[in-house]
Amino acid sequence: MLPEREKVNRATHREKWWIYGDKRPALYHALGWGEMFERHPKGDWPSERSREVLVATRTTKHLALVFVENNSILDQGLVVLV
């Protein structure tokens, strides 16, 4: 991640990346929800929506991965694996 952050032009994003991060449309494309966007990030994205995604809570003492249905908005406190 560090080399990627160093390439960022805006100083506030580079120095305080955990606060000022931009939207991540690539996540929605990877989940199969990309058709809802007018513009699309570069890359090949799945044409079908994943039925389930693997998630974990961001703050926990013990890591627990769970499959959840891909039919809802996922909270910012989750780590989503596609």
N, C-alpha and C. Protein backbone atom coordinates (compact mmCIF):
# COMPACT_ATOMS: atom_id res chain seq x y z
N MET A 1 0.81 -1.20 0.00
CA MET A 1 0.00 0.00 0.00
C MET A 1 0.85 1.26 0.00
N LEU A 2 1.97 1.27 0.68
CA LEU A 2 2.76 2.50 0.79
C LEU A 2 3.17 3.05 -0.57
N PRO A 3 3.70 2.26 -1.52
CA PRO A 3 4.05 2.83 -2.82
C PRO A 3 2.83 3.44 -3.52
N GLU A 4 1.68 2.84 -3.37
CA GLU A 4 0.46 3.38 -3.97
C GLU A 4 0.10 4.72 -3.34
N ARG A 5 0.22 4.84 -2.04
CA ARG A 5 -0.10 6.10 -1.35
C ARG A 5 0.87 7.21 -1.73
N GLU A 6 2.14 6.87 -1.96
CA GLU A 6 3.13 7.88 -2.32
C GLU A 6 2.87 8.50 -3.69
N LYS A 7 2.14 7.79 -4.56
CA LYS A 7 1.82 8.30 -5.89
C LYS A 7 0.68 9.32 -5.88
N VAL A 8 -0.06 9.40 -4.79
CA VAL A 8 -1.22 10.30 -4.71
C VAL A 8 -0.76 11.75 -4.78
N ASN A 9 -1.43 12.55 -5.63
CA ASN A 9 -1.04 13.95 -5.84
C ASN A 9 -1.43 14.85 -4.67
N ARG A 10 -2.59 14.64 -4.09
CA ARG A 10 -3.05 15.53 -3.02
C ARG A 10 -2.33 15.19 -1.71
N ALA A 11 -1.72 16.20 -1.11
CA ALA A 11 -0.92 15.98 0.11
C ALA A 11 -1.78 15.43 1.25
N THR A 12 -3.00 15.94 1.41
CA THR A 12 -3.85 15.46 2.50
C THR A 12 -4.19 13.99 2.33
N HIS A 13 -4.41 13.55 1.11
CA HIS A 13 -4.71 12.13 0.88
C HIS A 13 -3.47 11.28 1.11
N ARG A 14 -2.31 11.80 0.75
CA ARG A 14 -1.08 11.03 0.91
C ARG A 14 -0.69 10.89 2.38
N GLU A 15 -0.86 11.97 3.16
CA GLU A 15 -0.42 11.97 4.55
C GLU A 15 -1.46 11.40 5.51
N LYS A 16 -2.73 11.64 5.23
CA LYS A 16 -3.81 11.15 6.11
C LYS A 16 -4.75 10.26 5.31
N TRP A 17 -4.19 9.25 4.64
CA TRP A 17 -4.94 8.40 3.74
C TRP A 17 -6.09 7.67 4.43
N TRP A 18 -5.97 7.37 5.70
CA TRP A 18 -7.01 6.62 6.40
C TRP A 18 -8.25 7.49 6.65
N ILE A 19 -8.12 8.80 6.57
CA ILE A 19 -9.26 9.70 6.78
C ILE A 19 -9.87 10.14 5.46
N TYR A 20 -9.03 10.47 4.49
CA TYR A 20 -9.49 11.12 3.27
C TYR A 20 -9.53 10.21 2.04
N GLY A 21 -9.62 8.93 2.21
CA GLY A 21 -9.65 8.04 1.06
C GLY A 21 -10.85 8.31 0.16
N ASP A 22 -10.66 8.11 -1.14
CA ASP A 22 -11.74 8.33 -2.10
C ASP A 22 -12.70 7.15 -2.13
N LYS A 23 -13.77 7.32 -2.90
CA LYS A 23 -14.73 6.24 -3.09
C LYS A 23 -14.02 5.08 -3.79
N ARG A 24 -14.52 3.90 -3.61
CA ARG A 24 -13.91 2.72 -4.21
C ARG A 24 -14.91 2.02 -5.13
N PRO A 25 -15.15 2.56 -6.34
CA PRO A 25 -16.12 1.93 -7.24
C PRO A 25 -15.68 0.55 -7.70
N ALA A 26 -14.38 0.26 -7.69
CA ALA A 26 -13.92 -1.05 -8.12
C ALA A 26 -14.48 -2.16 -7.24
N LEU A 27 -14.71 -1.88 -5.96
CA LEU A 27 -15.30 -2.88 -5.08
C LEU A 27 -16.68 -3.28 -5.56
N TYR A 28 -17.51 -2.30 -5.91
CA TYR A 28 -18.86 -2.60 -6.38
C TYR A 28 -18.82 -3.34 -7.71
N HIS A 29 -17.87 -3.04 -8.56
CA HIS A 29 -17.74 -3.77 -9.82
C HIS A 29 -17.32 -5.21 -9.55
N ALA A 30 -16.40 -5.42 -8.62
CA ALA A 30 -15.96 -6.78 -8.28
C ALA A 30 -17.10 -7.60 -7.68
N LEU A 31 -18.00 -6.93 -6.96
CA LEU A 31 -19.16 -7.61 -6.38
C LEU A 31 -20.24 -7.91 -7.41
N GLY A 32 -20.14 -7.26 -8.58
CA GLY A 32 -21.15 -7.47 -9.62
C GLY A 32 -22.21 -6.39 -9.64
N TRP A 33 -22.02 -5.29 -8.94
CA TRP A 33 -22.99 -4.19 -8.89
C TRP A 33 -22.57 -3.04 -9.79
N GLY A 34 -21.67 -3.25 -10.72
CA GLY A 34 -21.11 -2.18 -11.54
C GLY A 34 -22.08 -1.52 -12.50
N GLU A 35 -23.17 -2.21 -12.85
CA GLU A 35 -24.11 -1.62 -13.81
C GLU A 35 -24.81 -0.39 -13.27
N MET A 36 -24.72 -0.14 -11.99
CA MET A 36 -25.38 1.01 -11.38
C MET A 36 -24.58 2.31 -11.57
N PHE A 37 -23.36 2.22 -12.09
CA PHE A 37 -22.51 3.39 -12.26
C PHE A 37 -22.52 3.86 -13.71
N GLU A 38 -22.41 5.18 -13.90
CA GLU A 38 -22.31 5.73 -15.25
C GLU A 38 -20.91 5.55 -15.81
N ARG A 39 -19.89 5.73 -14.97
CA ARG A 39 -18.51 5.55 -15.40
C ARG A 39 -17.94 4.32 -14.70
N HIS A 40 -16.98 3.68 -15.35
CA HIS A 40 -16.45 2.43 -14.82
C HIS A 40 -14.93 2.49 -14.73
N PRO A 41 -14.35 1.90 -13.66
CA PRO A 41 -12.90 1.86 -13.55
C PRO A 41 -12.31 0.90 -14.59
N LYS A 42 -11.03 1.06 -14.88
CA LYS A 42 -10.37 0.19 -15.85
C LYS A 42 -10.30 -1.23 -15.31
N GLY A 43 -10.33 -2.18 -16.22
CA GLY A 43 -10.20 -3.58 -15.82
C GLY A 43 -11.37 -4.41 -16.30
N ASP A 44 -11.20 -5.72 -16.21
CA ASP A 44 -12.27 -6.65 -16.57
C ASP A 44 -13.04 -7.00 -15.31
N TRP A 45 -14.36 -6.87 -15.39
CA TRP A 45 -15.20 -7.11 -14.23
C TRP A 45 -16.20 -8.21 -14.53
N PRO A 46 -16.62 -8.97 -13.53
CA PRO A 46 -17.56 -10.06 -13.78
C PRO A 46 -18.88 -9.53 -14.33
N SER A 47 -19.47 -10.29 -15.26
CA SER A 47 -20.74 -9.88 -15.85
C SER A 47 -21.92 -10.28 -14.96
N GLU A 48 -21.71 -11.23 -14.08
CA GLU A 48 -22.77 -11.69 -13.19
C GLU A 48 -22.45 -11.31 -11.75
N ARG A 49 -23.48 -11.07 -10.98
CA ARG A 49 -23.33 -10.72 -9.57
C ARG A 49 -23.01 -11.97 -8.76
N SER A 50 -22.06 -11.85 -7.85
CA SER A 50 -21.73 -12.96 -6.95
C SER A 50 -22.93 -13.22 -6.04
N ARG A 51 -23.25 -14.48 -5.82
CA ARG A 51 -24.37 -14.79 -4.91
C ARG A 51 -24.03 -14.48 -3.48
N GLU A 52 -22.80 -14.82 -3.08
CA GLU A 52 -22.36 -14.60 -1.71
C GLU A 52 -20.98 -13.95 -1.72
N VAL A 53 -20.68 -13.23 -0.64
CA VAL A 53 -19.35 -12.66 -0.45
C VAL A 53 -18.86 -13.05 0.94
N LEU A 54 -17.57 -13.08 1.09
CA LEU A 54 -16.96 -13.43 2.37
C LEU A 54 -16.63 -12.15 3.11
N VAL A 55 -17.10 -12.00 4.33
CA VAL A 55 -16.87 -10.77 5.10
C VAL A 55 -16.31 -11.09 6.48
N ALA A 56 -15.63 -10.10 7.03
CA ALA A 56 -15.13 -10.15 8.40
C ALA A 56 -15.29 -8.76 8.98
N THR A 57 -15.48 -8.66 10.27
CA THR A 57 -15.56 -7.35 10.89
C THR A 57 -14.17 -6.74 10.98
N ARG A 58 -14.10 -5.44 10.83
CA ARG A 58 -12.81 -4.75 10.81
C ARG A 58 -12.14 -4.74 12.19
N THR A 59 -12.92 -4.65 13.25
CA THR A 59 -12.37 -4.60 14.60
C THR A 59 -12.85 -5.81 15.38
N THR A 60 -11.95 -6.69 15.69
CA THR A 60 -12.30 -7.89 16.44
C THR A 60 -11.05 -8.48 17.09
N LYS A 61 -11.26 -9.16 18.18
CA LYS A 61 -10.14 -9.84 18.83
C LYS A 61 -9.83 -11.15 18.11
N HIS A 62 -10.88 -11.83 17.64
CA HIS A 62 -10.73 -13.12 16.95
C HIS A 62 -11.32 -13.01 15.56
N LEU A 63 -10.53 -13.35 14.56
CA LEU A 63 -10.98 -13.28 13.18
C LEU A 63 -12.03 -14.34 12.91
N ALA A 64 -13.16 -13.93 12.36
CA ALA A 64 -14.21 -14.85 11.97
C ALA A 64 -14.72 -14.43 10.60
N LEU A 65 -14.58 -15.31 9.62
CA LEU A 65 -15.05 -15.05 8.26
C LEU A 65 -16.42 -15.69 8.08
N VAL A 66 -17.32 -14.95 7.43
CA VAL A 66 -18.70 -15.43 7.25
C VAL A 66 -19.13 -15.14 5.82
N PHE A 67 -19.82 -16.10 5.19
CA PHE A 67 -20.43 -15.85 3.89
C PHE A 67 -21.78 -15.18 4.11
N VAL A 68 -22.01 -14.07 3.39
CA VAL A 68 -23.31 -13.39 3.46
C VAL A 68 -23.83 -13.21 2.04
N GLU A 69 -25.15 -13.12 1.91
CA GLU A 69 -25.76 -12.92 0.60
C GLU A 69 -25.39 -11.55 0.06
N ASN A 70 -25.18 -11.48 -1.23
CA ASN A 70 -24.76 -10.25 -1.89
C ASN A 70 -25.99 -9.48 -2.40
N ASN A 71 -26.91 -9.17 -1.49
CA ASN A 71 -28.12 -8.46 -1.89
C ASN A 71 -28.40 -7.25 -1.00
N SER A 72 -27.38 -6.76 -0.31
CA SER A 72 -27.58 -5.61 0.57
C SER A 72 -26.35 -4.71 0.55
N ILE A 73 -26.48 -3.55 1.15
CA ILE A 73 -25.37 -2.62 1.27
C ILE A 73 -24.53 -3.05 2.46
N LEU A 74 -23.23 -3.21 2.24
CA LEU A 74 -22.34 -3.68 3.30
C LEU A 74 -21.76 -2.50 4.06
N ASP A 75 -21.64 -2.64 5.35
CA ASP A 75 -21.20 -1.56 6.23
C ASP A 75 -19.71 -1.28 6.08
N GLN A 76 -19.32 -0.05 6.39
CA GLN A 76 -17.91 0.34 6.31
C GLN A 76 -17.04 -0.40 7.32
N GLY A 77 -17.63 -0.98 8.35
CA GLY A 77 -16.88 -1.70 9.37
C GLY A 77 -16.57 -3.13 8.99
N LEU A 78 -16.85 -3.51 7.74
CA LEU A 78 -16.59 -4.86 7.27
C LEU A 78 -15.43 -4.88 6.29
N VAL A 79 -14.71 -5.98 6.31
CA VAL A 79 -13.71 -6.26 5.28
C VAL A 79 -14.39 -7.24 4.34
N VAL A 80 -14.46 -6.90 3.06
CA VAL A 80 -15.18 -7.72 2.08
C VAL A 80 -14.18 -8.41 1.17
N LEU A 81 -14.29 -9.72 1.06
CA LEU A 81 -13.44 -10.51 0.17
C LEU A 81 -14.30 -11.04 -0.96
N VAL A 82 -13.87 -10.75 -2.17
CA VAL A 82 -14.65 -11.17 -3.35
C VAL A 82 -13.91 -12.27 -4.05
